[in-house]
Protein backbone atom coordinates (compact mmCIF):
# COMPACT_ATOMS: atom_id res chain seq x y z
CA MET A 1 0.00 -0.03 0.00
CA THR A 2 2.80 2.47 0.90
CA ALA A 3 4.39 1.68 -2.50
CA LEU A 4 1.17 2.49 -4.37
CA VAL A 5 0.80 5.69 -2.53
CA ALA A 6 4.34 6.59 -3.32
CA VAL A 7 3.86 5.76 -7.04
CA ALA A 8 0.62 7.80 -7.07
CA ALA A 9 2.29 10.86 -5.56
CA ALA A 10 5.11 10.60 -8.02
CA VAL A 11 2.78 10.46 -10.96
CA ALA A 12 0.81 13.39 -9.72
CA THR A 13 4.14 15.40 -9.24
CA ILE A 14 5.15 14.59 -12.77
CA LEU A 15 1.76 15.51 -14.31
CA LEU A 16 1.77 18.76 -12.39
CA ALA A 17 5.32 19.57 -13.42
CA ALA A 18 4.40 18.81 -17.13
CA GLY A 19 1.46 21.14 -16.93
CA THR A 20 -1.02 18.33 -17.29
CA PHE A 21 -4.51 18.89 -16.01
CA GLU A 22 -3.97 22.67 -15.55
CA THR A 23 -7.14 24.78 -15.80
CA ASP A 24 -7.22 26.07 -19.47
CA ARG A 25 -10.86 27.34 -19.78
CA ILE A 26 -13.35 28.81 -17.18
CA HIS A 27 -16.92 28.97 -18.50
CA PHE A 28 -19.56 31.08 -16.66
CA SER A 29 -23.30 30.64 -17.35
CA GLY A 30 -26.48 32.12 -15.90
CA LEU A 31 -25.11 35.76 -15.77
CA HIS A 32 -27.63 38.52 -16.30
CA ARG A 33 -27.35 40.96 -13.51
CA VAL A 34 -23.92 39.80 -12.26
CA SER A 35 -20.95 40.85 -14.40
CA TYR A 36 -18.25 38.44 -15.66
CA ASP A 37 -15.61 40.49 -13.81
CA GLU A 38 -17.49 39.98 -10.49
CA VAL A 39 -17.93 36.28 -10.81
CA TYR A 40 -14.36 35.72 -12.04
CA GLU A 41 -12.87 37.60 -9.07
CA ALA A 42 -15.19 35.87 -6.58
CA ALA A 43 -14.64 32.26 -7.87
CA GLY A 44 -10.78 32.71 -7.47
CA ILE A 45 -10.10 30.18 -10.20
CA ARG A 46 -7.51 31.09 -12.78
CA PRO A 47 -6.01 29.59 -16.01
CA GLY A 48 -3.04 27.52 -15.00
CA ASP A 49 -4.57 26.34 -11.74
CA PHE A 50 -4.08 22.62 -11.19
CA MET A 51 -7.45 20.91 -11.71
CA GLY A 52 -7.01 18.28 -8.96
CA THR A 53 -6.50 20.90 -6.12
CA LEU A 54 -9.27 23.33 -6.97
CA ASP A 55 -11.36 24.41 -3.97
CA THR A 56 -14.74 24.09 -5.74
CA GLY A 57 -16.70 24.43 -2.40
CA GLY A 58 -14.84 27.59 -1.43
CA ALA A 59 -15.45 28.95 -4.79
CA GLU A 60 -19.18 28.29 -4.54
CA ARG A 61 -19.31 29.93 -1.14
CA SER A 62 -17.54 32.96 -2.28
CA LEU A 63 -19.98 33.30 -5.35
CA GLU A 64 -22.91 33.00 -3.19
CA SER A 65 -21.80 35.93 -0.99
CA LEU A 66 -22.46 38.10 -4.11
CA PRO A 67 -25.78 40.00 -3.44
CA TRP A 68 -27.31 38.84 -6.74
CA VAL A 69 -26.23 35.20 -6.53
CA ALA A 70 -28.66 32.71 -4.98
CA ASP A 71 -26.82 29.62 -5.99
CA ALA A 72 -23.60 28.56 -7.53
CA ARG A 73 -22.18 25.17 -8.80
CA VAL A 74 -18.55 24.86 -9.84
CA ARG A 75 -17.61 21.56 -11.68
CA ARG A 76 -14.39 20.22 -13.14
CA ARG A 77 -14.60 18.94 -16.75
CA TRP A 78 -11.53 16.98 -17.32
CA PRO A 79 -9.02 17.50 -18.50
CA ALA A 80 -8.83 21.36 -18.42
CA THR A 81 -12.19 23.02 -18.18
CA VAL A 82 -14.00 24.45 -15.08
CA GLU A 83 -17.86 25.25 -15.49
CA VAL A 84 -19.41 27.73 -13.11
CA ASP A 85 -23.30 27.77 -13.15
CA VAL A 86 -24.76 30.74 -11.38
CA VAL A 87 -28.52 31.16 -10.54
CA GLU A 88 -29.39 34.81 -9.83
CA ARG A 89 -31.99 36.11 -7.38
CA THR A 90 -35.16 37.67 -8.78
CA PRO A 91 -36.19 41.19 -7.61
CA ALA A 92 -39.47 41.14 -5.57
CA ALA A 93 -39.78 44.50 -3.90
CA VAL A 94 -38.03 47.70 -2.92
CA ALA A 95 -37.43 49.01 0.68
CA LEU A 96 -36.21 52.21 2.23
CA ALA A 97 -32.50 52.48 3.12
CA ALA A 98 -32.94 56.13 4.22
CA PRO A 99 -35.66 58.66 3.57
CA GLY A 100 -36.21 58.74 -0.19
CA SER A 101 -33.56 56.08 -0.91
CA TRP A 102 -34.98 52.77 -2.21
CA VAL A 103 -33.10 49.60 -2.74
CA LEU A 104 -33.94 46.35 -4.59
CA LEU A 105 -34.44 43.12 -2.75
CA ASP A 106 -35.67 39.50 -3.34
CA ILE A 107 -38.46 37.64 -1.67
CA GLU A 108 -36.12 36.32 1.07
CA GLY A 109 -35.34 39.98 2.04
CA ARG A 110 -31.84 39.98 0.77
CA ILE A 111 -30.61 43.44 -0.47
CA LEU A 112 -29.50 43.41 -4.09
CA THR A 113 -28.49 46.90 -4.80
CA SER A 114 -27.26 50.29 -3.46
CA PRO A 115 -30.01 53.10 -3.53
CA LEU A 116 -31.52 53.36 -6.92
CA THR A 117 -31.74 56.45 -9.13
CA VAL A 118 -34.86 55.01 -10.86
CA VAL A 119 -37.29 52.99 -8.71
CA PRO A 120 -38.99 50.17 -10.55
CA GLU A 121 -42.79 49.41 -10.33
CA LEU A 122 -42.35 46.79 -7.53
CA PRO A 123 -44.11 46.59 -4.14
CA ARG A 124 -42.72 49.09 -1.68
CA LEU A 125 -41.92 47.98 1.92
CA SER A 126 -41.75 50.64 4.61
CA GLY A 127 -42.35 51.19 8.29
CA ILE A 128 -39.56 48.75 9.10
CA ALA A 129 -35.88 48.97 10.04
CA ALA A 130 -33.81 50.59 7.26
CA ALA A 131 -32.39 48.26 4.63
CA PRO A 132 -28.78 47.39 5.21
CA GLU A 133 -25.89 47.13 2.70
CA PRO A 134 -26.16 45.03 -0.47
CA GLY A 135 -25.83 41.25 0.29
CA ALA A 136 -27.40 41.54 3.92
CA PHE A 137 -30.94 40.87 4.76
CA LEU A 138 -33.78 42.94 6.05
CA ALA A 139 -34.37 42.92 9.81
CA SER A 140 -36.75 40.46 11.23
CA ASP A 141 -39.48 43.16 11.59
CA ALA A 142 -39.85 42.71 7.86
CA ASN A 143 -40.60 38.96 7.93
CA ALA A 144 -44.29 39.26 8.04
CA LEU A 145 -44.26 41.81 5.07
CA LEU A 146 -42.25 39.31 3.01
CA ALA A 147 -44.57 36.44 4.01
CA ALA A 148 -47.56 38.49 2.90
CA LEU A 149 -45.82 39.43 -0.39
CA SER A 150 -45.03 35.73 -1.02
CA ALA A 151 -48.55 34.58 -0.28
CA ALA A 152 -50.02 37.28 -2.50
CA HIS A 153 -47.73 36.27 -5.34
CA GLY A 154 -50.01 33.24 -5.87
CA GLN A 155 -53.18 35.23 -5.94
CA PRO A 156 -54.53 36.16 -9.44
CA GLU A 157 -57.14 38.37 -8.14
CA PHE A 158 -54.94 41.16 -6.99
CA GLU A 159 -51.35 42.51 -6.83
CA VAL A 160 -49.53 44.22 -4.00
CA ALA A 161 -48.36 47.86 -4.53
CA ALA A 162 -47.07 48.53 -1.00
CA LEU A 163 -46.74 46.88 2.36
CA TRP A 164 -46.01 48.58 5.62
CA ARG A 165 -46.15 48.73 9.38
CA ASP A 166 -48.26 51.37 10.86
CA ARG A 167 -47.57 53.27 14.08
CA ARG A 168 -48.97 50.58 16.18
CA GLY A 169 -46.82 47.92 14.44
CA ASP A 170 -49.71 46.28 12.57
CA LEU A 171 -49.48 45.35 8.92
CA ARG A 172 -51.13 47.46 6.13
CA ALA A 173 -51.10 46.94 2.35
CA ARG A 174 -52.21 48.81 -0.69
CA VAL A 175 -53.44 46.35 -3.25
CA ARG A 176 -54.60 46.59 -6.83
CA GLN A 177 -57.65 44.54 -8.13
CA GLN A 178 -56.77 42.34 -11.07
CA PRO A 179 -58.10 42.89 -13.50
CA GLY A 180 -59.33 46.21 -12.82
CA ASP A 181 -58.24 49.65 -11.59
CA LEU A 182 -59.45 49.60 -8.06
CA VAL A 183 -56.66 50.29 -5.55
CA LEU A 184 -57.59 49.49 -2.00
CA GLU A 185 -56.04 49.93 1.37
CA VAL A 186 -56.13 46.77 3.54
CA ALA A 187 -55.61 46.28 7.27
CA LEU A 188 -53.94 42.97 8.01
CA GLY A 189 -53.56 43.43 11.78
CA ASP A 190 -50.81 41.53 13.50
CA ASP A 191 -48.28 39.09 12.11
CA SER A 192 -50.43 35.94 12.44
CA ALA A 193 -52.28 33.91 9.73
CA ILE A 194 -50.71 35.78 6.82
CA GLY A 195 -51.82 33.21 4.34
CA ALA A 196 -55.42 33.21 5.43
CA LYS A 197 -55.53 37.03 5.36
CA THR A 198 -54.12 37.30 1.85
CA ALA A 199 -56.71 34.56 0.78
CA ALA A 200 -59.37 36.60 2.34
CA ILE A 201 -58.42 39.63 0.28
CA ALA A 202 -58.62 37.45 -2.87
CA ALA A 203 -62.07 36.23 -1.91
CA VAL A 204 -63.73 39.55 -1.69
CA ILE A 205 -61.72 42.05 -3.88
CA GLY A 206 -63.36 40.79 -7.16
CA GLU A 207 -66.75 41.90 -5.91
CA MET A 208 -65.68 45.48 -4.77
CA THR A 209 -65.97 48.70 -6.60
CA ALA A 210 -64.48 52.01 -5.98
CA SER A 211 -64.39 52.81 -2.23
CA ASP A 212 -62.59 55.03 0.18
CA ALA A 213 -63.23 52.36 2.94
CA ILE A 214 -60.51 50.08 4.40
CA LEU A 215 -60.71 46.39 3.91
CA ASP A 216 -60.07 44.81 7.34
CA VAL A 217 -58.97 41.16 7.16
CA SER A 218 -57.29 41.07 10.60
CA VAL A 219 -59.79 38.33 11.31
CA PRO A 220 -59.53 36.56 8.05
CA HIS A 221 -62.83 34.59 8.27
CA LEU A 222 -64.76 37.75 8.93
CA PRO A 223 -63.38 40.35 6.38
CA VAL A 224 -65.18 43.78 6.87
CA LEU A 225 -65.12 47.32 5.28
CA ARG A 226 -64.61 50.17 7.67
CA PRO A 227 -64.32 53.89 7.19
CA SER A 228 -60.84 55.16 6.40
CA GLY A 229 -59.13 57.31 9.12
């Protein structure tokens, strides 16, 4: 056994010295928002690196630390190619980083950008702790807002324009009837039963017409309209 190990080590040394199995080509796929330069730097793999000693796990973790990267897979393709497959995050909303400064985030609450010069037509989250730097996540007080946004995504009857916490800490939303032009304010109450509350909105909004009233679904099985203010 010792002799075999010694032979294998000697062969590896000879191959390395001869330049055999050195990385010749690095192929990146799945890049849309992330630049080639960003992923090349983060992966840390360079032409000439010995294929047998590449730290593929470390490269994946480094890539996934980039704000836009949800998942990364680094694979050797012998004899000399490395394939890097990147799955990017999908923008889901914007949140305030400072008064008047909105940043992009995904459905998990991960911050994707620095403050935007042009704010896209996505749900706006507010009344929560200020958004941190790109790559970090919103504070826990945003969890219920993100849960409501996720639950609403599967409801064809309405879309969310905004979600926020009011001064009491309760959840509020501004939703838009689909199809239709009705924009309605909704009181969701506390952080409980988010799925049931979004289902209650879907159940009644299709029958509603223009109204200044607030739809209260804080008790989801008893949705009611109450005067605004």
